[in-house]
mmCIF file of all heavy atoms, coordinates in Angstrom:
data_MODEL
# 
_entry.id   MODEL 
# 
loop_
_atom_site.group_PDB 
_atom_site.id 
_atom_site.type_symbol 
_atom_site.label_atom_id 
_atom_site.label_alt_id 
_atom_site.label_comp_id 
_atom_site.label_asym_id 
_atom_site.label_entity_id 
_atom_site.label_seq_id 
_atom_site.pdbx_PDB_ins_code 
_atom_site.Cartn_x 
_atom_site.Cartn_y 
_atom_site.Cartn_z 
_atom_site.occupancy 
_atom_site.B_iso_or_equiv 
_atom_site.pdbx_formal_charge 
_atom_site.auth_seq_id 
_atom_site.auth_comp_id 
_atom_site.auth_asym_id 
_atom_site.auth_atom_id 
_atom_site.pdbx_PDB_model_num 
ATOM 1   N N   . PRO A 1 1  ? 0.776  -1.244  0.020   1.00 0.00 ? 1  PRO A N   1 
ATOM 2   C CA  . PRO A 1 1  ? -0.012 0.001   -0.012  1.00 0.00 ? 1  PRO A CA  1 
ATOM 3   C C   . PRO A 1 1  ? 0.825  1.242   0.006   1.00 0.00 ? 1  PRO A C   1 
ATOM 4   O O   . PRO A 1 1  ? 0.416  2.280   -0.590  1.00 0.00 ? 1  PRO A O   1 
ATOM 5   C CB  . PRO A 1 1  ? -0.855 -0.109  1.269   1.00 0.00 ? 1  PRO A CB  1 
ATOM 6   C CG  . PRO A 1 1  ? -0.218 -1.218  2.047   1.00 0.00 ? 1  PRO A CG  1 
ATOM 7   C CD  . PRO A 1 1  ? 0.539  -2.074  1.147   1.00 0.00 ? 1  PRO A CD  1 
ATOM 8   N N   . ARG A 1 2  ? 2.000  1.247   0.614   1.00 0.00 ? 2  ARG A N   1 
ATOM 9   C CA  . ARG A 1 2  ? 2.837  2.414   0.643   1.00 0.00 ? 2  ARG A CA  1 
ATOM 10  C C   . ARG A 1 2  ? 3.349  2.794   -0.734  1.00 0.00 ? 2  ARG A C   1 
ATOM 11  O O   . ARG A 1 2  ? 3.316  3.972   -1.179  1.00 0.00 ? 2  ARG A O   1 
ATOM 12  C CB  . ARG A 1 2  ? 4.060  2.194   1.601   1.00 0.00 ? 2  ARG A CB  1 
ATOM 13  C CG  . ARG A 1 2  ? 4.990  3.282   1.653   1.00 0.00 ? 2  ARG A CG  1 
ATOM 14  C CD  . ARG A 1 2  ? 6.090  2.969   2.638   1.00 0.00 ? 2  ARG A CD  1 
ATOM 15  N NE  . ARG A 1 2  ? 7.282  3.757   2.376   1.00 0.00 ? 2  ARG A NE  1 
ATOM 16  C CZ  . ARG A 1 2  ? 8.473  3.514   2.857   1.00 0.00 ? 2  ARG A CZ  1 
ATOM 17  N NH1 . ARG A 1 2  ? 8.669  2.447   3.549   1.00 0.00 ? 2  ARG A NH1 1 
ATOM 18  N NH2 . ARG A 1 2  ? 9.528  4.274   2.523   1.00 0.00 ? 2  ARG A NH2 1 
ATOM 19  N N   . PHE A 1 3  ? 3.729  1.824   -1.505  1.00 0.00 ? 3  PHE A N   1 
ATOM 20  C CA  . PHE A 1 3  ? 4.172  2.070   -2.907  1.00 0.00 ? 3  PHE A CA  1 
ATOM 21  C C   . PHE A 1 3  ? 3.059  2.546   -3.746  1.00 0.00 ? 3  PHE A C   1 
ATOM 22  O O   . PHE A 1 3  ? 3.174  3.475   -4.544  1.00 0.00 ? 3  PHE A O   1 
ATOM 23  C CB  . PHE A 1 3  ? 4.798  0.839   -3.508  1.00 0.00 ? 3  PHE A CB  1 
ATOM 24  C CG  . PHE A 1 3  ? 5.205  0.961   -4.935  1.00 0.00 ? 3  PHE A CG  1 
ATOM 25  C CD1 . PHE A 1 3  ? 6.322  1.655   -5.259  1.00 0.00 ? 3  PHE A CD1 1 
ATOM 26  C CD2 . PHE A 1 3  ? 4.489  0.396   -5.953  1.00 0.00 ? 3  PHE A CD2 1 
ATOM 27  C CE1 . PHE A 1 3  ? 6.769  1.809   -6.578  1.00 0.00 ? 3  PHE A CE1 1 
ATOM 28  C CE2 . PHE A 1 3  ? 4.860  0.518   -7.223  1.00 0.00 ? 3  PHE A CE2 1 
ATOM 29  C CZ  . PHE A 1 3  ? 5.997  1.261   -7.567  1.00 0.00 ? 3  PHE A CZ  1 
ATOM 30  N N   . ALA A 1 4  ? 1.851  1.925   -3.601  1.00 0.00 ? 4  ALA A N   1 
ATOM 31  C CA  . ALA A 1 4  ? 0.706  2.356   -4.399  1.00 0.00 ? 4  ALA A CA  1 
ATOM 32  C C   . ALA A 1 4  ? 0.323  3.735   -4.081  1.00 0.00 ? 4  ALA A C   1 
ATOM 33  O O   . ALA A 1 4  ? -0.048 4.483   -5.055  1.00 0.00 ? 4  ALA A O   1 
ATOM 34  C CB  . ALA A 1 4  ? -0.443 1.313   -4.148  1.00 0.00 ? 4  ALA A CB  1 
ATOM 35  N N   . ALA A 1 5  ? 0.295  4.110   -2.849  1.00 0.00 ? 5  ALA A N   1 
ATOM 36  C CA  . ALA A 1 5  ? -0.068 5.508   -2.473  1.00 0.00 ? 5  ALA A CA  1 
ATOM 37  C C   . ALA A 1 5  ? 0.897  6.507   -3.032  1.00 0.00 ? 5  ALA A C   1 
ATOM 38  O O   . ALA A 1 5  ? 0.538  7.579   -3.562  1.00 0.00 ? 5  ALA A O   1 
ATOM 39  C CB  . ALA A 1 5  ? -0.211 5.664   -0.983  1.00 0.00 ? 5  ALA A CB  1 
ATOM 40  N N   . ALA A 1 6  ? 2.236  6.203   -2.946  1.00 0.00 ? 6  ALA A N   1 
ATOM 41  C CA  . ALA A 1 6  ? 3.243  7.083   -3.530  1.00 0.00 ? 6  ALA A CA  1 
ATOM 42  C C   . ALA A 1 6  ? 3.113  7.196   -5.012  1.00 0.00 ? 6  ALA A C   1 
ATOM 43  O O   . ALA A 1 6  ? 3.329  8.209   -5.613  1.00 0.00 ? 6  ALA A O   1 
ATOM 44  C CB  . ALA A 1 6  ? 4.584  6.613   -3.055  1.00 0.00 ? 6  ALA A CB  1 
ATOM 45  N N   . PHE A 1 7  ? 2.792  6.063   -5.617  1.00 0.00 ? 7  PHE A N   1 
ATOM 46  C CA  . PHE A 1 7  ? 2.632  6.047   -7.110  1.00 0.00 ? 7  PHE A CA  1 
ATOM 47  C C   . PHE A 1 7  ? 1.479  6.941   -7.526  1.00 0.00 ? 7  PHE A C   1 
ATOM 48  O O   . PHE A 1 7  ? 1.622  7.685   -8.493  1.00 0.00 ? 7  PHE A O   1 
ATOM 49  C CB  . PHE A 1 7  ? 2.394  4.561   -7.564  1.00 0.00 ? 7  PHE A CB  1 
ATOM 50  C CG  . PHE A 1 7  ? 2.439  4.426   -8.999  1.00 0.00 ? 7  PHE A CG  1 
ATOM 51  C CD1 . PHE A 1 7  ? 3.673  4.420   -9.657  1.00 0.00 ? 7  PHE A CD1 1 
ATOM 52  C CD2 . PHE A 1 7  ? 1.295  4.186   -9.738  1.00 0.00 ? 7  PHE A CD2 1 
ATOM 53  C CE1 . PHE A 1 7  ? 3.714  4.193   -11.063 1.00 0.00 ? 7  PHE A CE1 1 
ATOM 54  C CE2 . PHE A 1 7  ? 1.340  4.002   -11.132 1.00 0.00 ? 7  PHE A CE2 1 
ATOM 55  C CZ  . PHE A 1 7  ? 2.594  4.022   -11.790 1.00 0.00 ? 7  PHE A CZ  1 
ATOM 56  N N   . VAL A 1 8  ? 0.354  6.890   -6.824  1.00 0.00 ? 8  VAL A N   1 
ATOM 57  C CA  . VAL A 1 8  ? -0.775 7.692   -7.186  1.00 0.00 ? 8  VAL A CA  1 
ATOM 58  C C   . VAL A 1 8  ? -0.497 9.184   -6.973  1.00 0.00 ? 8  VAL A C   1 
ATOM 59  O O   . VAL A 1 8  ? -0.855 10.061  -7.788  1.00 0.00 ? 8  VAL A O   1 
ATOM 60  C CB  . VAL A 1 8  ? -2.040 7.273   -6.301  1.00 0.00 ? 8  VAL A CB  1 
ATOM 61  C CG1 . VAL A 1 8  ? -3.140 8.278   -6.436  1.00 0.00 ? 8  VAL A CG1 1 
ATOM 62  C CG2 . VAL A 1 8  ? -2.498 5.908   -6.774  1.00 0.00 ? 8  VAL A CG2 1 
ATOM 63  N N   . GLU A 1 9  ? 0.251  9.472   -5.856  1.00 0.00 ? 9  GLU A N   1 
ATOM 64  C CA  . GLU A 1 9  ? 0.614  10.864  -5.592  1.00 0.00 ? 9  GLU A CA  1 
ATOM 65  C C   . GLU A 1 9  ? 1.750  11.406  -6.443  1.00 0.00 ? 9  GLU A C   1 
ATOM 66  O O   . GLU A 1 9  ? 2.044  12.579  -6.435  1.00 0.00 ? 9  GLU A O   1 
ATOM 67  C CB  . GLU A 1 9  ? 1.024  10.973  -4.095  1.00 0.00 ? 9  GLU A CB  1 
ATOM 68  C CG  . GLU A 1 9  ? -0.153 10.765  -3.167  1.00 0.00 ? 9  GLU A CG  1 
ATOM 69  C CD  . GLU A 1 9  ? 0.240  10.679  -1.717  1.00 0.00 ? 9  GLU A CD  1 
ATOM 70  O OE1 . GLU A 1 9  ? 1.398  10.993  -1.429  1.00 0.00 ? 9  GLU A OE1 1 
ATOM 71  O OE2 . GLU A 1 9  ? -0.608 10.335  -0.873  1.00 0.00 ? 9  GLU A OE2 1 
ATOM 72  N N   . GLY A 1 10 ? 2.422  10.518  -7.142  1.00 0.00 ? 10 GLY A N   1 
ATOM 73  C CA  . GLY A 1 10 ? 3.546  10.997  -7.996  1.00 0.00 ? 10 GLY A CA  1 
ATOM 74  C C   . GLY A 1 10 ? 4.875  11.144  -7.281  1.00 0.00 ? 10 GLY A C   1 
ATOM 75  O O   . GLY A 1 10 ? 5.778  11.791  -7.836  1.00 0.00 ? 10 GLY A O   1 
ATOM 76  N N   . ARG A 1 11 ? 4.899  10.626  -6.016  1.00 0.00 ? 11 ARG A N   1 
ATOM 77  C CA  . ARG A 1 11 ? 6.194  10.674  -5.242  1.00 0.00 ? 11 ARG A CA  1 
ATOM 78  C C   . ARG A 1 11 ? 6.889  9.381   -5.443  1.00 0.00 ? 11 ARG A C   1 
ATOM 79  O O   . ARG A 1 11 ? 6.334  8.305   -5.374  1.00 0.00 ? 11 ARG A O   1 
ATOM 80  C CB  . ARG A 1 11 ? 5.940  10.866  -3.772  1.00 0.00 ? 11 ARG A CB  1 
ATOM 81  C CG  . ARG A 1 11 ? 5.307  12.158  -3.394  1.00 0.00 ? 11 ARG A CG  1 
ATOM 82  C CD  . ARG A 1 11 ? 5.118  12.272  -1.915  1.00 0.00 ? 11 ARG A CD  1 
ATOM 83  N NE  . ARG A 1 11 ? 4.132  11.241  -1.491  1.00 0.00 ? 11 ARG A NE  1 
ATOM 84  C CZ  . ARG A 1 11 ? 4.339  10.419  -0.513  1.00 0.00 ? 11 ARG A CZ  1 
ATOM 85  N NH1 . ARG A 1 11 ? 5.450  10.379  0.083   1.00 0.00 ? 11 ARG A NH1 1 
ATOM 86  N NH2 . ARG A 1 11 ? 3.406  9.513   -0.176  1.00 0.00 ? 11 ARG A NH2 1 
ATOM 87  N N   . PRO A 1 12 ? 8.263  9.399   -5.738  1.00 0.00 ? 12 PRO A N   1 
ATOM 88  C CA  . PRO A 1 12 ? 8.946  8.158   -5.871  1.00 0.00 ? 12 PRO A CA  1 
ATOM 89  C C   . PRO A 1 12 ? 9.102  7.404   -4.499  1.00 0.00 ? 12 PRO A C   1 
ATOM 90  O O   . PRO A 1 12 ? 9.255  8.001   -3.493  1.00 0.00 ? 12 PRO A O   1 
ATOM 91  C CB  . PRO A 1 12 ? 10.345 8.578   -6.371  1.00 0.00 ? 12 PRO A CB  1 
ATOM 92  C CG  . PRO A 1 12 ? 10.478 9.991   -5.991  1.00 0.00 ? 12 PRO A CG  1 
ATOM 93  C CD  . PRO A 1 12 ? 9.104  10.574  -5.921  1.00 0.00 ? 12 PRO A CD  1 
ATOM 94  N N   . CYS A 1 13 ? 8.910  6.128   -4.553  1.00 0.00 ? 13 CYS A N   1 
ATOM 95  C CA  . CYS A 1 13 ? 9.027  5.252   -3.391  1.00 0.00 ? 13 CYS A CA  1 
ATOM 96  C C   . CYS A 1 13 ? 9.451  3.914   -3.904  1.00 0.00 ? 13 CYS A C   1 
ATOM 97  O O   . CYS A 1 13 ? 8.904  3.347   -4.839  1.00 0.00 ? 13 CYS A O   1 
ATOM 98  C CB  . CYS A 1 13 ? 7.732  5.152   -2.656  1.00 0.00 ? 13 CYS A CB  1 
ATOM 99  S SG  . CYS A 1 13 ? 7.659  4.008   -1.283  1.00 0.00 ? 13 CYS A SG  1 
ATOM 100 N N   . ARG A 1 14 ? 10.484 3.335   -3.220  1.00 0.00 ? 14 ARG A N   1 
ATOM 101 C CA  . ARG A 1 14 ? 10.914 1.991   -3.678  1.00 0.00 ? 14 ARG A CA  1 
ATOM 102 C C   . ARG A 1 14 ? 9.879  0.927   -3.299  1.00 0.00 ? 14 ARG A C   1 
ATOM 103 O O   . ARG A 1 14 ? 9.299  0.996   -2.238  1.00 0.00 ? 14 ARG A O   1 
ATOM 104 C CB  . ARG A 1 14 ? 12.231 1.652   -2.974  1.00 0.00 ? 14 ARG A CB  1 
ATOM 105 C CG  . ARG A 1 14 ? 13.367 2.381   -3.568  1.00 0.00 ? 14 ARG A CG  1 
ATOM 106 C CD  . ARG A 1 14 ? 14.695 1.837   -3.128  1.00 0.00 ? 14 ARG A CD  1 
ATOM 107 N NE  . ARG A 1 14 ? 14.865 2.215   -1.679  1.00 0.00 ? 14 ARG A NE  1 
ATOM 108 C CZ  . ARG A 1 14 ? 15.931 1.958   -0.978  1.00 0.00 ? 14 ARG A CZ  1 
ATOM 109 N NH1 . ARG A 1 14 ? 16.824 1.114   -1.475  1.00 0.00 ? 14 ARG A NH1 1 
ATOM 110 N NH2 . ARG A 1 14 ? 16.025 2.314   0.255   1.00 0.00 ? 14 ARG A NH2 1 
ATOM 111 N N   . PRO A 1 15 ? 9.649  -0.050  -4.139  1.00 0.00 ? 15 PRO A N   1 
ATOM 112 C CA  . PRO A 1 15 ? 8.741  -1.106  -3.798  1.00 0.00 ? 15 PRO A CA  1 
ATOM 113 C C   . PRO A 1 15 ? 9.246  -1.926  -2.577  1.00 0.00 ? 15 PRO A C   1 
ATOM 114 O O   . PRO A 1 15 ? 10.419 -1.864  -2.254  1.00 0.00 ? 15 PRO A O   1 
ATOM 115 C CB  . PRO A 1 15 ? 8.760  -2.020  -5.047  1.00 0.00 ? 15 PRO A CB  1 
ATOM 116 C CG  . PRO A 1 15 ? 9.318  -1.197  -6.144  1.00 0.00 ? 15 PRO A CG  1 
ATOM 117 C CD  . PRO A 1 15 ? 10.148 -0.168  -5.518  1.00 0.00 ? 15 PRO A CD  1 
ATOM 118 N N   . ARG A 1 16 ? 8.346  -2.579  -1.973  1.00 0.00 ? 16 ARG A N   1 
ATOM 119 C CA  . ARG A 1 16 ? 8.699  -3.355  -0.713  1.00 0.00 ? 16 ARG A CA  1 
ATOM 120 C C   . ARG A 1 16 ? 9.820  -4.381  -0.943  1.00 0.00 ? 16 ARG A C   1 
ATOM 121 O O   . ARG A 1 16 ? 10.664 -4.518  -0.122  1.00 0.00 ? 16 ARG A O   1 
ATOM 122 C CB  . ARG A 1 16 ? 7.451  -4.107  -0.253  1.00 0.00 ? 16 ARG A CB  1 
ATOM 123 C CG  . ARG A 1 16 ? 7.729  -4.947  0.975   1.00 0.00 ? 16 ARG A CG  1 
ATOM 124 C CD  . ARG A 1 16 ? 6.531  -5.667  1.479   1.00 0.00 ? 16 ARG A CD  1 
ATOM 125 N NE  . ARG A 1 16 ? 5.649  -4.638  2.071   1.00 0.00 ? 16 ARG A NE  1 
ATOM 126 C CZ  . ARG A 1 16 ? 4.365  -4.696  2.089   1.00 0.00 ? 16 ARG A CZ  1 
ATOM 127 N NH1 . ARG A 1 16 ? 3.703  -5.733  1.659   1.00 0.00 ? 16 ARG A NH1 1 
ATOM 128 N NH2 . ARG A 1 16 ? 3.665  -3.754  2.630   1.00 0.00 ? 16 ARG A NH2 1 
ATOM 129 N N   . GLU A 1 17 ? 9.837  -4.998  -2.085  1.00 0.00 ? 17 GLU A N   1 
ATOM 130 C CA  . GLU A 1 17 ? 10.903 -6.021  -2.290  1.00 0.00 ? 17 GLU A CA  1 
ATOM 131 C C   . GLU A 1 17 ? 12.296 -5.383  -2.416  1.00 0.00 ? 17 GLU A C   1 
ATOM 132 O O   . GLU A 1 17 ? 13.288 -6.126  -2.318  1.00 0.00 ? 17 GLU A O   1 
ATOM 133 C CB  . GLU A 1 17 ? 10.644 -6.866  -3.549  1.00 0.00 ? 17 GLU A CB  1 
ATOM 134 C CG  . GLU A 1 17 ? 10.581 -6.141  -4.830  1.00 0.00 ? 17 GLU A CG  1 
ATOM 135 C CD  . GLU A 1 17 ? 9.057  -5.798  -5.216  1.00 0.00 ? 17 GLU A CD  1 
ATOM 136 O OE1 . GLU A 1 17 ? 8.231  -5.925  -4.337  1.00 0.00 ? 17 GLU A OE1 1 
ATOM 137 O OE2 . GLU A 1 17 ? 8.866  -5.441  -6.366  1.00 0.00 ? 17 GLU A OE2 1 
ATOM 138 N N   . TYR A 1 18 ? 12.415 -4.052  -2.522  1.00 0.00 ? 18 TYR A N   1 
ATOM 139 C CA  . TYR A 1 18 ? 13.760 -3.434  -2.568  1.00 0.00 ? 18 TYR A CA  1 
ATOM 140 C C   . TYR A 1 18 ? 14.090 -2.728  -1.260  1.00 0.00 ? 18 TYR A C   1 
ATOM 141 O O   . TYR A 1 18 ? 15.176 -2.189  -1.157  1.00 0.00 ? 18 TYR A O   1 
ATOM 142 C CB  . TYR A 1 18 ? 13.790 -2.412  -3.709  1.00 0.00 ? 18 TYR A CB  1 
ATOM 143 C CG  . TYR A 1 18 ? 13.704 -3.071  -5.034  1.00 0.00 ? 18 TYR A CG  1 
ATOM 144 C CD1 . TYR A 1 18 ? 12.641 -2.739  -5.891  1.00 0.00 ? 18 TYR A CD1 1 
ATOM 145 C CD2 . TYR A 1 18 ? 14.580 -4.003  -5.481  1.00 0.00 ? 18 TYR A CD2 1 
ATOM 146 C CE1 . TYR A 1 18 ? 12.514 -3.346  -7.140  1.00 0.00 ? 18 TYR A CE1 1 
ATOM 147 C CE2 . TYR A 1 18 ? 14.500 -4.615  -6.704  1.00 0.00 ? 18 TYR A CE2 1 
ATOM 148 C CZ  . TYR A 1 18 ? 13.452 -4.261  -7.551  1.00 0.00 ? 18 TYR A CZ  1 
ATOM 149 O OH  . TYR A 1 18 ? 13.306 -4.858  -8.770  1.00 0.00 ? 18 TYR A OH  1 
ATOM 150 N N   . ARG A 1 19 ? 13.160 -2.764  -0.316  1.00 0.00 ? 19 ARG A N   1 
ATOM 151 C CA  . ARG A 1 19 ? 13.468 -2.163  1.001   1.00 0.00 ? 19 ARG A CA  1 
ATOM 152 C C   . ARG A 1 19 ? 14.065 -3.247  1.889   1.00 0.00 ? 19 ARG A C   1 
ATOM 153 O O   . ARG A 1 19 ? 13.257 -4.102  2.392   1.00 0.00 ? 19 ARG A O   1 
ATOM 154 C CB  . ARG A 1 19 ? 12.184 -1.601  1.637   1.00 0.00 ? 19 ARG A CB  1 
ATOM 155 C CG  . ARG A 1 19 ? 11.747 -0.363  0.882   1.00 0.00 ? 19 ARG A CG  1 
ATOM 156 C CD  . ARG A 1 19 ? 10.495 0.214   1.571   1.00 0.00 ? 19 ARG A CD  1 
ATOM 157 N NE  . ARG A 1 19 ? 9.416  0.256   0.589   1.00 0.00 ? 19 ARG A NE  1 
ATOM 158 C CZ  . ARG A 1 19 ? 8.147  -0.071  0.857   1.00 0.00 ? 19 ARG A CZ  1 
ATOM 159 N NH1 . ARG A 1 19 ? 7.821  -0.369  2.072   1.00 0.00 ? 19 ARG A NH1 1 
ATOM 160 N NH2 . ARG A 1 19 ? 7.237  -0.055  -0.081  1.00 0.00 ? 19 ARG A NH2 1 
ATOM 161 N N   . ARG A 1 20 ? 15.345 -3.226  2.072   1.00 0.00 ? 20 ARG A N   1 
ATOM 162 C CA  . ARG A 1 20 ? 15.992 -4.323  2.791   1.00 0.00 ? 20 ARG A CA  1 
ATOM 163 C C   . ARG A 1 20 ? 16.902 -3.799  3.883   1.00 0.00 ? 20 ARG A C   1 
ATOM 164 O O   . ARG A 1 20 ? 17.887 -4.471  4.235   1.00 0.00 ? 20 ARG A O   1 
ATOM 165 C CB  . ARG A 1 20 ? 16.837 -5.120  1.830   1.00 0.00 ? 20 ARG A CB  1 
ATOM 166 C CG  . ARG A 1 20 ? 16.118 -5.696  0.698   1.00 0.00 ? 20 ARG A CG  1 
ATOM 167 C CD  . ARG A 1 20 ? 15.736 -7.165  0.945   1.00 0.00 ? 20 ARG A CD  1 
ATOM 168 N NE  . ARG A 1 20 ? 15.266 -7.777  -0.241  1.00 0.00 ? 20 ARG A NE  1 
ATOM 169 C CZ  . ARG A 1 20 ? 14.040 -8.246  -0.320  1.00 0.00 ? 20 ARG A CZ  1 
ATOM 170 N NH1 . ARG A 1 20 ? 13.228 -8.204  0.737   1.00 0.00 ? 20 ARG A NH1 1 
ATOM 171 N NH2 . ARG A 1 20 ? 13.592 -8.812  -1.426  1.00 0.00 ? 20 ARG A NH2 1 
ATOM 172 N N   . GLY A 1 21 ? 16.567 -2.697  4.520   1.00 0.00 ? 21 GLY A N   1 
ATOM 173 C CA  . GLY A 1 21 ? 17.430 -2.130  5.555   1.00 0.00 ? 21 GLY A CA  1 
ATOM 174 C C   . GLY A 1 21 ? 17.630 -3.087  6.750   1.00 0.00 ? 21 GLY A C   1 
ATOM 175 O O   . GLY A 1 21 ? 18.779 -3.221  7.243   1.00 0.00 ? 21 GLY A O   1 
ATOM 176 N N   . ALA A 1 22 ? 16.580 -3.689  7.234   1.00 0.00 ? 22 ALA A N   1 
ATOM 177 C CA  . ALA A 1 22 ? 16.632 -4.569  8.332   1.00 0.00 ? 22 ALA A CA  1 
ATOM 178 C C   . ALA A 1 22 ? 17.512 -5.819  7.997   1.00 0.00 ? 22 ALA A C   1 
ATOM 179 O O   . ALA A 1 22 ? 18.256 -6.316  8.826   1.00 0.00 ? 22 ALA A O   1 
ATOM 180 C CB  . ALA A 1 22 ? 15.270 -4.996  8.836   1.00 0.00 ? 22 ALA A CB  1 
ATOM 181 N N   . ALA A 1 23 ? 17.399 -6.300  6.779   1.00 0.00 ? 23 ALA A N   1 
ATOM 182 C CA  . ALA A 1 23 ? 18.183 -7.468  6.356   1.00 0.00 ? 23 ALA A CA  1 
ATOM 183 C C   . ALA A 1 23 ? 19.648 -7.148  6.327   1.00 0.00 ? 23 ALA A C   1 
ATOM 184 O O   . ALA A 1 23 ? 20.453 -7.968  6.807   1.00 0.00 ? 23 ALA A O   1 
ATOM 185 C CB  . ALA A 1 23 ? 17.648 -7.909  4.991   1.00 0.00 ? 23 ALA A CB  1 
ATOM 186 N N   . TRP A 1 24 ? 20.039 -6.004  5.803   1.00 0.00 ? 24 TRP A N   1 
ATOM 187 C CA  . TRP A 1 24 ? 21.413 -5.632  5.752   1.00 0.00 ? 24 TRP A CA  1 
ATOM 188 C C   . TRP A 1 24 ? 21.990 -5.471  7.144   1.00 0.00 ? 24 TRP A C   1 
ATOM 189 O O   . TRP A 1 24 ? 23.127 -5.825  7.442   1.00 0.00 ? 24 TRP A O   1 
ATOM 190 C CB  . TRP A 1 24 ? 21.650 -4.342  4.924   1.00 0.00 ? 24 TRP A CB  1 
ATOM 191 C CG  . TRP A 1 24 ? 21.547 -4.634  3.454   1.00 0.00 ? 24 TRP A CG  1 
ATOM 192 C CD1 . TRP A 1 24 ? 20.533 -4.229  2.613   1.00 0.00 ? 24 TRP A CD1 1 
ATOM 193 C CD2 . TRP A 1 24 ? 22.418 -5.370  2.637   1.00 0.00 ? 24 TRP A CD2 1 
ATOM 194 N NE1 . TRP A 1 24 ? 20.702 -4.655  1.380   1.00 0.00 ? 24 TRP A NE1 1 
ATOM 195 C CE2 . TRP A 1 24 ? 21.890 -5.350  1.331   1.00 0.00 ? 24 TRP A CE2 1 
ATOM 196 C CE3 . TRP A 1 24 ? 23.636 -6.054  2.847   1.00 0.00 ? 24 TRP A CE3 1 
ATOM 197 C CZ2 . TRP A 1 24 ? 22.559 -6.000  0.291   1.00 0.00 ? 24 TRP A CZ2 1 
ATOM 198 C CZ3 . TRP A 1 24 ? 24.262 -6.711  1.821   1.00 0.00 ? 24 TRP A CZ3 1 
ATOM 199 C CH2 . TRP A 1 24 ? 23.720 -6.671  0.520   1.00 0.00 ? 24 TRP A CH2 1 
ATOM 200 N N   . LEU A 1 25 ? 21.201 -4.849  8.034   1.00 0.00 ? 25 LEU A N   1 
ATOM 201 C CA  . LEU A 1 25 ? 21.646 -4.629  9.437   1.00 0.00 ? 25 LEU A CA  1 
ATOM 202 C C   . LEU A 1 25 ? 21.834 -5.966  10.098  1.00 0.00 ? 25 LEU A C   1 
ATOM 203 O O   . LEU A 1 25 ? 22.853 -6.203  10.808  1.00 0.00 ? 25 LEU A O   1 
ATOM 204 C CB  . LEU A 1 25 ? 20.662 -3.762  10.185  1.00 0.00 ? 25 LEU A CB  1 
ATOM 205 C CG  . LEU A 1 25 ? 21.023 -3.481  11.631  1.00 0.00 ? 25 LEU A CG  1 
ATOM 206 C CD1 . LEU A 1 25 ? 22.345 -2.679  11.754  1.00 0.00 ? 25 LEU A CD1 1 
ATOM 207 C CD2 . LEU A 1 25 ? 19.865 -2.734  12.334  1.00 0.00 ? 25 LEU A CD2 1 
ATOM 208 N N   . THR A 1 26 ? 20.917 -6.872  9.934   1.00 0.00 ? 26 THR A N   1 
ATOM 209 C CA  . THR A 1 26 ? 21.005 -8.224  10.513  1.00 0.00 ? 26 THR A CA  1 
ATOM 210 C C   . THR A 1 26 ? 22.185 -8.993  9.961   1.00 0.00 ? 26 THR A C   1 
ATOM 211 O O   . THR A 1 26 ? 22.934 -9.638  10.740  1.00 0.00 ? 26 THR A O   1 
ATOM 212 C CB  . THR A 1 26 ? 19.737 -9.018  10.286  1.00 0.00 ? 26 THR A CB  1 
ATOM 213 O OG1 . THR A 1 26 ? 18.599 -8.230  10.715  1.00 0.00 ? 26 THR A OG1 1 
ATOM 214 C CG2 . THR A 1 26 ? 19.703 -10.328 11.007  1.00 0.00 ? 26 THR A CG2 1 
# 
């Protein structure tokens, strides 16, 4: 939903599958 909302508003947002901050920290 976060990506879809940003897409509708015209703001760039990475899709969920590219958000890996917790994985890199772990």
